[in-house]
Amino acid sequence: MRSASVSRRTAETDVTVSIALDGTGKAEISTGVGFLDHMLELFARHGLFDLTVKVTGDLHVDQHHTTEDTGIALGQAIAKALGDKKGITRYADIHVPMDETLTRIALDISGRPFLVFRTAFPTEKIGVFDTELVREFHQAFAMNAGLTLHVETLYGENSHHIAESCFKGLARALRQAVAVDPREEGRVPSTKGTL
């Protein structure tokens, strides 16, 4: 089973992440940020990743460091679990509807991290969660997982639905991209021979 664990400790956060890419969608999430816990639980379920995330963060300041550092550690764990990337599908894209919202995700496990994030939120908060942190999470995740990641909400009116479609879309696209393609016969999916 392709799996990895990462621990990351700073003066602001203490993050531990374990992931199994070929899992069943089990999640044990405790970040101290309720909305982020919800997003990570659905990320695990829709990606069919077994995911454990434990975070202690400086929530007396705000939720920024906890959210960003969780994205960093999760991205690092996925990169580690993928190893040399032999046999993976590599590319994937998906459209995810959530009621009135439609979000498109396209990604390449390229080793060349880049984020295009074209998603706007009609409100600044979802409960007590700052909506700008959705982008911060995806930025940290893409940079540390080594993904070229495009996230675009084509339309939507409800901030919760918009955020959820981004996380579900990321999970579904990543699930496809990390899948082993038997026709690759263990090769790295690149003419360069490395990613």
Protein backbone atom coordinates (compact mmCIF):
# COMPACT_ATOMS: atom_id res chain seq x y z
CA MET A 1 0.00 0.00 0.00
CA ARG A 2 1.30 3.45 -0.93
CA SER A 3 1.34 5.36 2.35
CA ALA A 4 3.37 7.93 4.26
CA SER A 5 3.48 9.95 7.46
CA VAL A 6 4.81 13.46 7.96
CA SER A 7 5.32 15.47 11.13
CA ARG A 8 5.90 19.21 11.00
CA ARG A 9 6.55 21.32 14.07
CA THR A 10 7.03 25.08 14.12
CA ALA A 11 6.62 27.79 16.74
CA GLU A 12 3.02 28.16 15.44
CA THR A 13 1.81 24.61 14.84
CA ASP A 14 2.47 20.93 15.48
CA VAL A 15 1.08 18.85 12.60
CA THR A 16 1.07 15.09 12.05
CA VAL A 17 -0.41 13.60 8.88
CA SER A 18 -0.65 9.96 7.77
CA ILE A 19 -2.16 8.95 4.44
CA ALA A 20 -2.76 5.73 2.54
CA LEU A 21 -3.48 6.45 -1.11
CA ASP A 22 -5.09 3.06 -1.72
CA GLY A 23 -7.50 3.24 1.18
CA THR A 24 -11.23 3.18 1.74
CA GLY A 25 -11.91 6.78 2.79
CA LYS A 26 -11.45 6.42 6.56
CA ALA A 27 -10.64 9.69 8.31
CA GLU A 28 -9.50 10.69 11.78
CA ILE A 29 -9.22 14.46 11.69
CA SER A 30 -8.54 16.87 14.55
CA THR A 31 -7.21 20.29 13.58
CA GLY A 32 -9.08 22.44 16.08
CA VAL A 33 -10.78 24.15 13.12
CA GLY A 34 -14.23 22.64 12.63
CA PHE A 35 -14.71 23.67 9.02
CA LEU A 36 -11.24 22.43 8.03
CA ASP A 37 -11.97 19.11 9.76
CA HIS A 38 -15.15 18.83 7.67
CA MET A 39 -13.26 19.58 4.42
CA LEU A 40 -10.53 17.03 5.21
CA GLU A 41 -13.08 14.35 6.12
CA LEU A 42 -14.79 14.74 2.75
CA PHE A 43 -11.37 14.92 1.02
CA ALA A 44 -10.56 11.49 2.49
CA ARG A 45 -13.97 10.05 1.66
CA HIS A 46 -14.12 11.26 -1.93
CA GLY A 47 -10.48 10.43 -2.62
CA LEU A 48 -10.80 7.02 -0.94
CA PHE A 49 -7.70 7.94 1.04
CA ASP A 50 -7.23 6.72 4.60
CA LEU A 51 -6.25 9.93 6.35
CA THR A 52 -5.21 10.84 9.88
CA VAL A 53 -4.54 14.49 10.71
CA LYS A 54 -3.69 15.80 14.19
CA VAL A 55 -2.91 19.48 14.63
CA THR A 56 -2.21 21.73 17.58
CA GLY A 57 -2.06 25.32 16.38
CA ASP A 58 -1.99 28.91 17.56
CA LEU A 59 -5.75 29.30 17.24
CA HIS A 60 -5.65 32.13 19.78
CA VAL A 61 -4.13 34.15 16.90
CA ASP A 62 -6.35 32.89 14.06
CA GLN A 63 -6.86 29.84 11.83
CA HIS A 64 -4.35 30.79 9.14
CA HIS A 65 -1.26 28.94 10.39
CA THR A 66 -3.22 25.80 11.22
CA THR A 67 -4.86 25.70 7.79
CA GLU A 68 -1.71 26.50 5.81
CA ASP A 69 0.54 24.13 7.76
CA THR A 70 -2.00 21.33 7.42
CA GLY A 71 -1.90 21.86 3.64
CA ILE A 72 1.91 21.78 3.71
CA ALA A 73 2.08 18.54 5.68
CA LEU A 74 -0.68 16.83 3.68
CA GLY A 75 1.05 17.77 0.43
CA GLN A 76 4.37 16.44 1.72
CA ALA A 77 2.74 13.18 2.82
CA ILE A 78 1.17 12.65 -0.61
CA ALA A 79 4.47 13.35 -2.38
CA LYS A 80 6.22 10.89 -0.07
CA ALA A 81 3.53 8.23 -0.58
CA LEU A 82 3.83 8.56 -4.36
CA GLY A 83 7.57 7.88 -4.23
CA ASP A 84 9.07 7.70 -7.73
CA LYS A 85 5.56 8.00 -9.27
CA LYS A 86 6.05 4.92 -11.44
CA GLY A 87 2.84 3.69 -13.02
CA ILE A 88 0.57 6.55 -11.93
CA THR A 89 -2.05 8.03 -14.25
CA ARG A 90 -0.57 11.51 -13.54
CA TYR A 91 -3.25 13.79 -15.09
CA ALA A 92 -6.88 14.20 -14.09
CA ASP A 93 -9.71 16.69 -14.28
CA ILE A 94 -13.26 16.79 -13.01
CA HIS A 95 -16.29 19.05 -12.72
CA VAL A 96 -17.99 18.89 -9.33
CA PRO A 97 -21.51 20.24 -8.82
CA MET A 98 -22.78 21.13 -5.37
CA ASP A 99 -26.32 22.41 -5.63
CA GLU A 100 -26.04 25.81 -7.40
CA THR A 101 -22.22 25.66 -7.59
CA LEU A 102 -20.00 24.11 -10.25
CA THR A 103 -16.23 23.84 -9.81
CA ARG A 104 -13.64 22.50 -12.24
CA ILE A 105 -10.38 20.95 -11.00
CA ALA A 106 -7.51 19.93 -13.29
CA LEU A 107 -4.19 18.65 -12.01
CA ASP A 108 -0.88 17.20 -13.09
CA ILE A 109 1.40 15.35 -10.69
CA SER A 110 4.27 17.00 -12.51
CA GLY A 111 6.82 17.77 -9.82
CA ARG A 112 6.46 21.38 -10.99
CA PRO A 113 4.19 22.99 -8.39
CA PHE A 114 1.87 25.72 -9.56
CA LEU A 115 -1.58 26.92 -8.53
CA VAL A 116 -4.21 28.72 -10.54
CA PHE A 117 -7.11 29.51 -8.21
CA ARG A 118 -10.05 31.25 -9.86
CA THR A 119 -12.65 31.01 -7.16
CA ALA A 120 -14.46 33.90 -5.50
CA PHE A 121 -16.53 33.74 -2.33
CA PRO A 122 -19.57 35.96 -1.78
CA THR A 123 -18.85 36.11 1.97
CA GLU A 124 -15.66 36.59 3.97
CA LYS A 125 -16.51 33.79 6.40
CA ILE A 126 -18.13 30.38 6.55
CA GLY A 127 -19.15 30.33 10.20
CA VAL A 128 -15.90 31.48 11.84
CA PHE A 129 -13.66 30.18 9.01
CA ASP A 130 -12.08 32.82 6.75
CA THR A 131 -12.92 31.97 3.13
CA GLU A 132 -9.51 33.26 1.96
CA LEU A 133 -8.01 30.24 3.73
CA VAL A 134 -9.45 27.90 1.09
CA ARG A 135 -6.94 29.33 -1.38
CA GLU A 136 -4.16 29.27 1.24
CA PHE A 137 -4.76 25.57 1.84
CA HIS A 138 -4.71 24.73 -1.89
CA GLN A 139 -1.55 26.82 -2.40
CA ALA A 140 0.30 25.08 0.43
CA PHE A 141 -0.95 21.69 -0.69
CA ALA A 142 0.00 22.09 -4.37
CA MET A 143 3.47 23.48 -3.61
CA ASN A 144 4.31 20.62 -1.27
CA ALA A 145 2.68 17.77 -3.20
CA GLY A 146 4.44 18.89 -6.39
CA LEU A 147 1.20 19.44 -8.29
CA THR A 148 0.23 21.74 -11.07
CA LEU A 149 -3.27 22.51 -9.82
CA HIS A 150 -6.04 24.52 -11.45
CA VAL A 151 -9.16 25.28 -9.40
CA GLU A 152 -11.95 27.30 -10.99
CA THR A 153 -15.46 27.80 -9.74
CA LEU A 154 -17.54 28.42 -12.84
CA TYR A 155 -20.49 29.70 -10.82
CA GLY A 156 -21.90 29.54 -7.32
CA GLU A 157 -23.66 31.62 -4.70
CA ASN A 158 -23.14 29.84 -1.37
CA SER A 159 -19.66 30.07 0.18
CA HIS A 160 -19.97 26.69 1.92
CA HIS A 161 -20.94 24.99 -1.35
CA ILE A 162 -18.10 26.72 -3.21
CA ALA A 163 -15.48 25.61 -0.67
CA GLU A 164 -16.85 22.09 -0.49
CA SER A 165 -16.85 21.72 -4.28
CA CYS A 166 -13.17 22.76 -4.31
CA PHE A 167 -12.16 20.14 -1.74
CA LYS A 168 -14.33 17.39 -3.23
CA GLY A 169 -13.01 18.19 -6.69
CA LEU A 170 -9.42 18.06 -5.47
CA ALA A 171 -10.08 14.68 -3.86
CA ARG A 172 -11.80 13.19 -6.90
CA ALA A 173 -9.19 14.44 -9.37
CA LEU A 174 -6.31 13.35 -7.15
CA ARG A 175 -7.89 9.91 -6.74
CA GLN A 176 -7.82 9.53 -10.54
CA ALA A 177 -4.32 10.95 -10.97
CA VAL A 178 -2.66 8.74 -8.32
CA ALA A 179 -4.38 5.60 -9.66
CA VAL A 180 -2.01 3.01 -11.06
CA ASP A 181 -2.37 2.56 -14.82
CA PRO A 182 -1.51 -1.07 -15.62
CA ARG A 183 -0.60 -0.09 -19.19
CA GLU A 184 2.28 2.01 -17.84
CA GLU A 185 3.89 -1.26 -16.69
CA GLY A 186 5.68 0.51 -13.85
CA ARG A 187 7.10 3.31 -15.97
CA VAL A 188 7.15 6.97 -14.96
CA PRO A 189 4.48 8.70 -17.10
CA SER A 190 6.88 11.16 -18.72
CA THR A 191 9.09 11.17 -21.81
CA LYS A 192 11.82 12.56 -19.53
CA GLY A 193 11.73 9.41 -17.40
CA THR A 194 11.25 11.36 -14.19
CA LEU A 195 8.73 13.66 -12.58
